[in-house]
């Protein structure tokens, strides 16, 4: 995932990111099955999808932390 794509992800809503995360997980399952059946030739595809999943999860976590910090400051 390129820097521009990551910045575009940061502009999305959390629900959209969760949907994208679910899609990536399904894509990873399909790719790993295709790889085990020797249907997929690209051996790095599963690794790249796992990396994308981790990056999306990190962005979601950052957004949730920022949201809780704003709520805590509002309470003060």
C-alpha atoms as a PDB file:
ATOM      1  CA  UNK A   1       0.000   0.000   0.000  1.00  0.00           C
ATOM      2  CA  UNK A   2       1.411   3.328  -1.048  1.00  0.00           C
ATOM      3  CA  UNK A   3       1.546   6.471   1.078  1.00  0.00           C
ATOM      4  CA  UNK A   4      -1.179   8.139  -0.977  1.00  0.00           C
ATOM      5  CA  UNK A   5      -3.486   5.148  -0.436  1.00  0.00           C
ATOM      6  CA  UNK A   6      -2.811   5.275   3.313  1.00  0.00           C
ATOM      7  CA  UNK A   7      -3.658   8.978   3.410  1.00  0.00           C
ATOM      8  CA  UNK A   8      -6.889   8.265   1.527  1.00  0.00           C
ATOM      9  CA  UNK A   9      -7.739   5.610   4.115  1.00  0.00           C
ATOM     10  CA  UNK A  10      -7.206   8.095   6.931  1.00  0.00           C
ATOM     11  CA  UNK A  11      -9.867  10.345   5.388  1.00  0.00           C
ATOM     12  CA  UNK A  12     -12.515   7.587   5.409  1.00  0.00           C
ATOM     13  CA  UNK A  13     -15.021   6.866   8.147  1.00  0.00           C
ATOM     14  CA  UNK A  14     -14.388   4.061  10.630  1.00  0.00           C
ATOM     15  CA  UNK A  15     -17.333   2.013   9.342  1.00  0.00           C
ATOM     16  CA  UNK A  16     -15.946   2.150   5.806  1.00  0.00           C
ATOM     17  CA  UNK A  17     -12.591   0.955   7.118  1.00  0.00           C
ATOM     18  CA  UNK A  18     -14.233  -1.967   8.919  1.00  0.00           C
ATOM     19  CA  UNK A  19     -15.974  -2.947   5.683  1.00  0.00           C
ATOM     20  CA  UNK A  20     -12.688  -2.708   3.770  1.00  0.00           C
ATOM     21  CA  UNK A  21     -11.009  -4.790   6.475  1.00  0.00           C
ATOM     22  CA  UNK A  22     -13.641  -7.524   6.133  1.00  0.00           C
ATOM     23  CA  UNK A  23     -13.197  -7.517   2.352  1.00  0.00           C
ATOM     24  CA  UNK A  24      -9.425  -7.835   2.711  1.00  0.00           C
ATOM     25  CA  UNK A  25      -9.827 -10.776   5.108  1.00  0.00           C
ATOM     26  CA  UNK A  26     -12.052 -12.573   2.609  1.00  0.00           C
ATOM     27  CA  UNK A  27      -9.555 -11.807  -0.131  1.00  0.00           C
ATOM     28  CA  UNK A  28      -6.766 -13.258   2.008  1.00  0.00           C
ATOM     29  CA  UNK A  29      -8.728 -16.460   2.611  1.00  0.00           C
ATOM     30  CA  UNK A  30      -9.371 -16.868  -1.103  1.00  0.00           C
ATOM     31  CA  UNK A  31      -5.740 -16.135  -1.983  1.00  0.00           C
ATOM     32  CA  UNK A  32      -4.407 -18.614   0.570  1.00  0.00           C
ATOM     33  CA  UNK A  33      -6.734 -21.322  -0.740  1.00  0.00           C
ATOM     34  CA  UNK A  34      -5.717 -20.557  -4.329  1.00  0.00           C
ATOM     35  CA  UNK A  35      -2.079 -20.699  -3.277  1.00  0.00           C
ATOM     36  CA  UNK A  36      -2.475 -24.084  -1.598  1.00  0.00           C
ATOM     37  CA  UNK A  37      -4.239 -25.496  -4.653  1.00  0.00           C
ATOM     38  CA  UNK A  38      -1.456 -24.115  -6.870  1.00  0.00           C
ATOM     39  CA  UNK A  39      -3.944 -21.857  -8.645  1.00  0.00           C
ATOM     40  CA  UNK A  40      -2.128 -18.682  -7.575  1.00  0.00           C
ATOM     41  CA  UNK A  41       1.353 -18.083  -8.949  1.00  0.00           C
ATOM     42  CA  UNK A  42       2.221 -14.988  -6.902  1.00  0.00           C
ATOM     43  CA  UNK A  43       3.673 -16.306  -3.648  1.00  0.00           C
ATOM     44  CA  UNK A  44       3.817 -12.846  -2.043  1.00  0.00           C
ATOM     45  CA  UNK A  45       0.122 -12.067  -2.529  1.00  0.00           C
ATOM     46  CA  UNK A  46      -0.968 -13.397   0.884  1.00  0.00           C
ATOM     47  CA  UNK A  47       1.899 -11.561   2.582  1.00  0.00           C
ATOM     48  CA  UNK A  48       0.919  -8.276   0.930  1.00  0.00           C
ATOM     49  CA  UNK A  49      -2.736  -8.705   1.859  1.00  0.00           C
ATOM     50  CA  UNK A  50      -1.749  -9.413   5.484  1.00  0.00           C
ATOM     51  CA  UNK A  51       0.297  -6.211   5.476  1.00  0.00           C
ATOM     52  CA  UNK A  52      -2.692  -4.256   4.133  1.00  0.00           C
ATOM     53  CA  UNK A  53      -4.910  -5.746   6.858  1.00  0.00           C
ATOM     54  CA  UNK A  54      -2.403  -4.715   9.535  1.00  0.00           C
ATOM     55  CA  UNK A  55      -2.184  -1.172   8.162  1.00  0.00           C
ATOM     56  CA  UNK A  56      -5.973  -0.793   8.018  1.00  0.00           C
ATOM     57  CA  UNK A  57      -6.277  -2.149  11.563  1.00  0.00           C
ATOM     58  CA  UNK A  58      -3.653   0.339  12.756  1.00  0.00           C
ATOM     59  CA  UNK A  59      -5.502   3.246  11.167  1.00  0.00           C
ATOM     60  CA  UNK A  60      -8.763   2.139  12.806  1.00  0.00           C
ATOM     61  CA  UNK A  61      -7.021   1.900  16.180  1.00  0.00           C
ATOM     62  CA  UNK A  62      -5.484   5.366  15.771  1.00  0.00           C
ATOM     63  CA  UNK A  63      -8.895   6.842  14.955  1.00  0.00           C
ATOM     64  CA  UNK A  64     -10.511   5.203  17.962  1.00  0.00           C
ATOM     65  CA  UNK A  65      -7.741   6.438  20.273  1.00  0.00           C
ATOM     66  CA  UNK A  66      -8.066   9.967  18.928  1.00  0.00           C
ATOM     67  CA  UNK A  67     -11.821   9.815  19.457  1.00  0.00           C
ATOM     68  CA  UNK A  68     -11.455   8.738  23.099  1.00  0.00           C
ATOM     69  CA  UNK A  69      -8.855  11.448  23.757  1.00  0.00           C
ATOM     70  CA  UNK A  70     -11.216  14.104  22.425  1.00  0.00           C
ATOM     71  CA  UNK A  71     -14.020  12.785  24.642  1.00  0.00           C
ATOM     72  CA  UNK A  72     -11.764  12.796  27.708  1.00  0.00           C
ATOM     73  CA  UNK A  73     -10.677  16.384  27.048  1.00  0.00           C
ATOM     74  CA  UNK A  74     -14.302  17.419  26.606  1.00  0.00           C
ATOM     75  CA  UNK A  75     -15.134  16.020  30.043  1.00  0.00           C
ATOM     76  CA  UNK A  76     -12.510  18.220  31.739  1.00  0.00           C
END
